Each structure stands twice: as structure tokens, then as C-alpha cells.
Amino acid sequence: MENTTNQNRPEPLSQRWVIILIAGGLAGVAVALLGAPVLAAAGAAGAVILGLNQVMA
């Protein structure tokens, strides 16, 4: 019987994306802790993720 577990595994997340997503999450948490609405915190996280993706590309 053939071992197919390696063929079905998703590709691991690159270190660049891990850094980008952690920074975005931290930005969202920081904005939320300052008392901003959830939408503003999500916007800050999204902006950081998009910005770092462009800078680090």
C-alpha cells in the first residue's frame, strides 16, 4: 500500500506570512485596547497586513 500522506498535506505557511499575520493581529489588538470599535480594529489589522505584504514582497 502506498503512503499518500505527504501528497495531501497543505503547503506550510512561509515565514514572511507568519510575520505579516502576527503584526496585523497585534495592530488589531492594540487598536481594540485603545477603545476603538471592532470595525476600526479590523480595519487597522487589514491595513497592516496589506501594507506589509506590499513592503515585504
N, C-alpha and C. Protein backbone atom coordinates (compact mmCIF):
# COMPACT_ATOMS: atom_id res chain seq x y z
N MET A 1 0.84 -1.18 0.00
CA MET A 1 0.00 0.00 0.00
C MET A 1 0.89 1.24 0.00
N GLU A 2 0.51 2.21 -0.79
CA GLU A 2 1.33 3.41 -0.98
C GLU A 2 1.03 4.46 0.09
N ASN A 3 2.07 5.13 0.56
CA ASN A 3 1.90 6.19 1.55
C ASN A 3 1.56 7.49 0.83
N THR A 4 0.36 8.01 1.03
CA THR A 4 -0.07 9.23 0.33
C THR A 4 -0.23 10.41 1.27
N THR A 5 0.23 10.32 2.51
CA THR A 5 0.03 11.42 3.44
C THR A 5 0.78 12.67 3.03
N ASN A 6 1.95 12.55 2.43
CA ASN A 6 2.71 13.72 2.02
C ASN A 6 2.06 14.43 0.84
N GLN A 7 1.35 13.73 0.00
CA GLN A 7 0.74 14.33 -1.18
C GLN A 7 -0.46 15.20 -0.82
N ASN A 8 -1.12 14.91 0.28
CA ASN A 8 -2.33 15.64 0.65
C ASN A 8 -2.10 16.75 1.66
N ARG A 9 -0.89 16.93 2.09
CA ARG A 9 -0.60 17.97 3.07
C ARG A 9 -0.62 19.34 2.41
N PRO A 10 -1.18 20.33 3.11
CA PRO A 10 -1.12 21.69 2.56
C PRO A 10 0.30 22.24 2.65
N GLU A 11 0.60 23.17 1.80
CA GLU A 11 1.92 23.79 1.81
C GLU A 11 2.08 24.61 3.09
N PRO A 12 3.22 24.50 3.80
CA PRO A 12 3.38 25.27 5.03
C PRO A 12 3.43 26.77 4.75
N LEU A 13 2.97 27.54 5.71
CA LEU A 13 2.97 28.99 5.60
C LEU A 13 4.40 29.50 5.65
N SER A 14 4.74 30.42 4.75
CA SER A 14 6.10 30.94 4.75
C SER A 14 6.32 31.85 5.96
N GLN A 15 7.57 32.02 6.31
CA GLN A 15 7.92 32.85 7.47
C GLN A 15 7.47 34.29 7.25
N ARG A 16 7.51 34.76 6.03
CA ARG A 16 7.08 36.12 5.71
C ARG A 16 5.61 36.31 6.07
N TRP A 17 4.77 35.35 5.71
CA TRP A 17 3.34 35.47 6.00
C TRP A 17 3.06 35.34 7.49
N VAL A 18 3.84 34.55 8.19
CA VAL A 18 3.66 34.44 9.64
C VAL A 18 3.93 35.79 10.29
N ILE A 19 5.00 36.45 9.89
CA ILE A 19 5.33 37.77 10.43
C ILE A 19 4.23 38.78 10.11
N ILE A 20 3.75 38.77 8.86
CA ILE A 20 2.72 39.71 8.44
C ILE A 20 1.44 39.50 9.24
N LEU A 21 1.00 38.26 9.40
CA LEU A 21 -0.25 37.99 10.10
C LEU A 21 -0.16 38.29 11.59
N ILE A 22 1.00 38.01 12.19
CA ILE A 22 1.17 38.34 13.61
C ILE A 22 1.16 39.85 13.81
N ALA A 23 1.83 40.59 12.94
CA ALA A 23 1.84 42.05 13.05
C ALA A 23 0.44 42.62 12.87
N GLY A 24 -0.31 42.07 11.92
CA GLY A 24 -1.68 42.52 11.72
C GLY A 24 -2.56 42.24 12.93
N GLY A 25 -2.41 41.08 13.51
CA GLY A 25 -3.17 40.75 14.71
C GLY A 25 -2.83 41.65 15.87
N LEU A 26 -1.54 41.93 16.03
CA LEU A 26 -1.12 42.82 17.12
C LEU A 26 -1.65 44.24 16.91
N ALA A 27 -1.67 44.71 15.66
CA ALA A 27 -2.22 46.04 15.38
C ALA A 27 -3.70 46.08 15.71
N GLY A 28 -4.42 45.04 15.33
CA GLY A 28 -5.85 44.99 15.64
C GLY A 28 -6.11 44.98 17.13
N VAL A 29 -5.33 44.22 17.87
CA VAL A 29 -5.49 44.16 19.33
C VAL A 29 -5.15 45.51 19.96
N ALA A 30 -4.10 46.16 19.47
CA ALA A 30 -3.70 47.45 20.02
C ALA A 30 -4.80 48.49 19.82
N VAL A 31 -5.39 48.51 18.63
CA VAL A 31 -6.47 49.47 18.36
C VAL A 31 -7.69 49.14 19.21
N ALA A 32 -8.00 47.86 19.36
CA ALA A 32 -9.14 47.47 20.19
C ALA A 32 -8.93 47.85 21.65
N LEU A 33 -7.69 47.70 22.15
CA LEU A 33 -7.40 48.05 23.53
C LEU A 33 -7.50 49.55 23.78
N LEU A 34 -7.32 50.33 22.73
CA LEU A 34 -7.45 51.78 22.87
C LEU A 34 -8.92 52.21 22.93
N GLY A 35 -9.82 51.26 22.80
CA GLY A 35 -11.23 51.57 22.94
C GLY A 35 -11.97 51.81 21.63
N ALA A 36 -11.34 51.51 20.54
CA ALA A 36 -11.98 51.73 19.23
C ALA A 36 -13.00 50.62 18.97
N PRO A 37 -13.96 50.89 18.11
CA PRO A 37 -14.93 49.84 17.76
C PRO A 37 -14.24 48.67 17.05
N VAL A 38 -14.93 47.54 17.02
CA VAL A 38 -14.36 46.33 16.42
C VAL A 38 -14.03 46.56 14.95
N LEU A 39 -14.87 47.30 14.25
CA LEU A 39 -14.63 47.54 12.83
C LEU A 39 -13.32 48.32 12.61
N ALA A 40 -13.03 49.26 13.49
CA ALA A 40 -11.79 50.02 13.37
C ALA A 40 -10.59 49.12 13.64
N ALA A 41 -10.71 48.24 14.61
CA ALA A 41 -9.62 47.31 14.91
C ALA A 41 -9.38 46.37 13.74
N ALA A 42 -10.46 45.88 13.14
CA ALA A 42 -10.32 45.00 11.98
C ALA A 42 -9.71 45.77 10.79
N GLY A 43 -10.09 47.01 10.64
CA GLY A 43 -9.52 47.84 9.57
C GLY A 43 -8.04 48.07 9.76
N ALA A 44 -7.63 48.32 11.00
CA ALA A 44 -6.21 48.52 11.29
C ALA A 44 -5.43 47.25 11.01
N ALA A 45 -5.97 46.11 11.41
CA ALA A 45 -5.30 44.84 11.15
C ALA A 45 -5.18 44.59 9.65
N GLY A 46 -6.25 44.84 8.92
CA GLY A 46 -6.23 44.65 7.47
C GLY A 46 -5.25 45.57 6.78
N ALA A 47 -5.20 46.82 7.23
CA ALA A 47 -4.28 47.78 6.63
C ALA A 47 -2.82 47.38 6.86
N VAL A 48 -2.53 46.90 8.05
CA VAL A 48 -1.16 46.46 8.35
C VAL A 48 -0.80 45.24 7.51
N ILE A 49 -1.73 44.30 7.37
CA ILE A 49 -1.46 43.11 6.57
C ILE A 49 -1.21 43.47 5.12
N LEU A 50 -2.06 44.32 4.56
CA LEU A 50 -1.88 44.73 3.16
C LEU A 50 -0.59 45.52 2.97
N GLY A 51 -0.31 46.41 3.90
CA GLY A 51 0.90 47.23 3.79
C GLY A 51 2.17 46.39 3.88
N LEU A 52 2.22 45.50 4.85
CA LEU A 52 3.42 44.66 4.98
C LEU A 52 3.56 43.71 3.82
N ASN A 53 2.46 43.24 3.27
CA ASN A 53 2.54 42.38 2.10
C ASN A 53 3.19 43.12 0.93
N GLN A 54 2.86 44.38 0.77
CA GLN A 54 3.46 45.16 -0.31
C GLN A 54 4.94 45.45 -0.04
N VAL A 55 5.25 45.80 1.21
CA VAL A 55 6.63 46.17 1.56
C VAL A 55 7.55 44.96 1.49
N MET A 56 7.07 43.82 1.96
CA MET A 56 7.92 42.63 2.05
C MET A 56 7.92 41.79 0.78
N ALA A 57 7.15 42.18 -0.21
CA ALA A 57 7.06 41.38 -1.45
C ALA A 57 8.33 41.45 -2.26
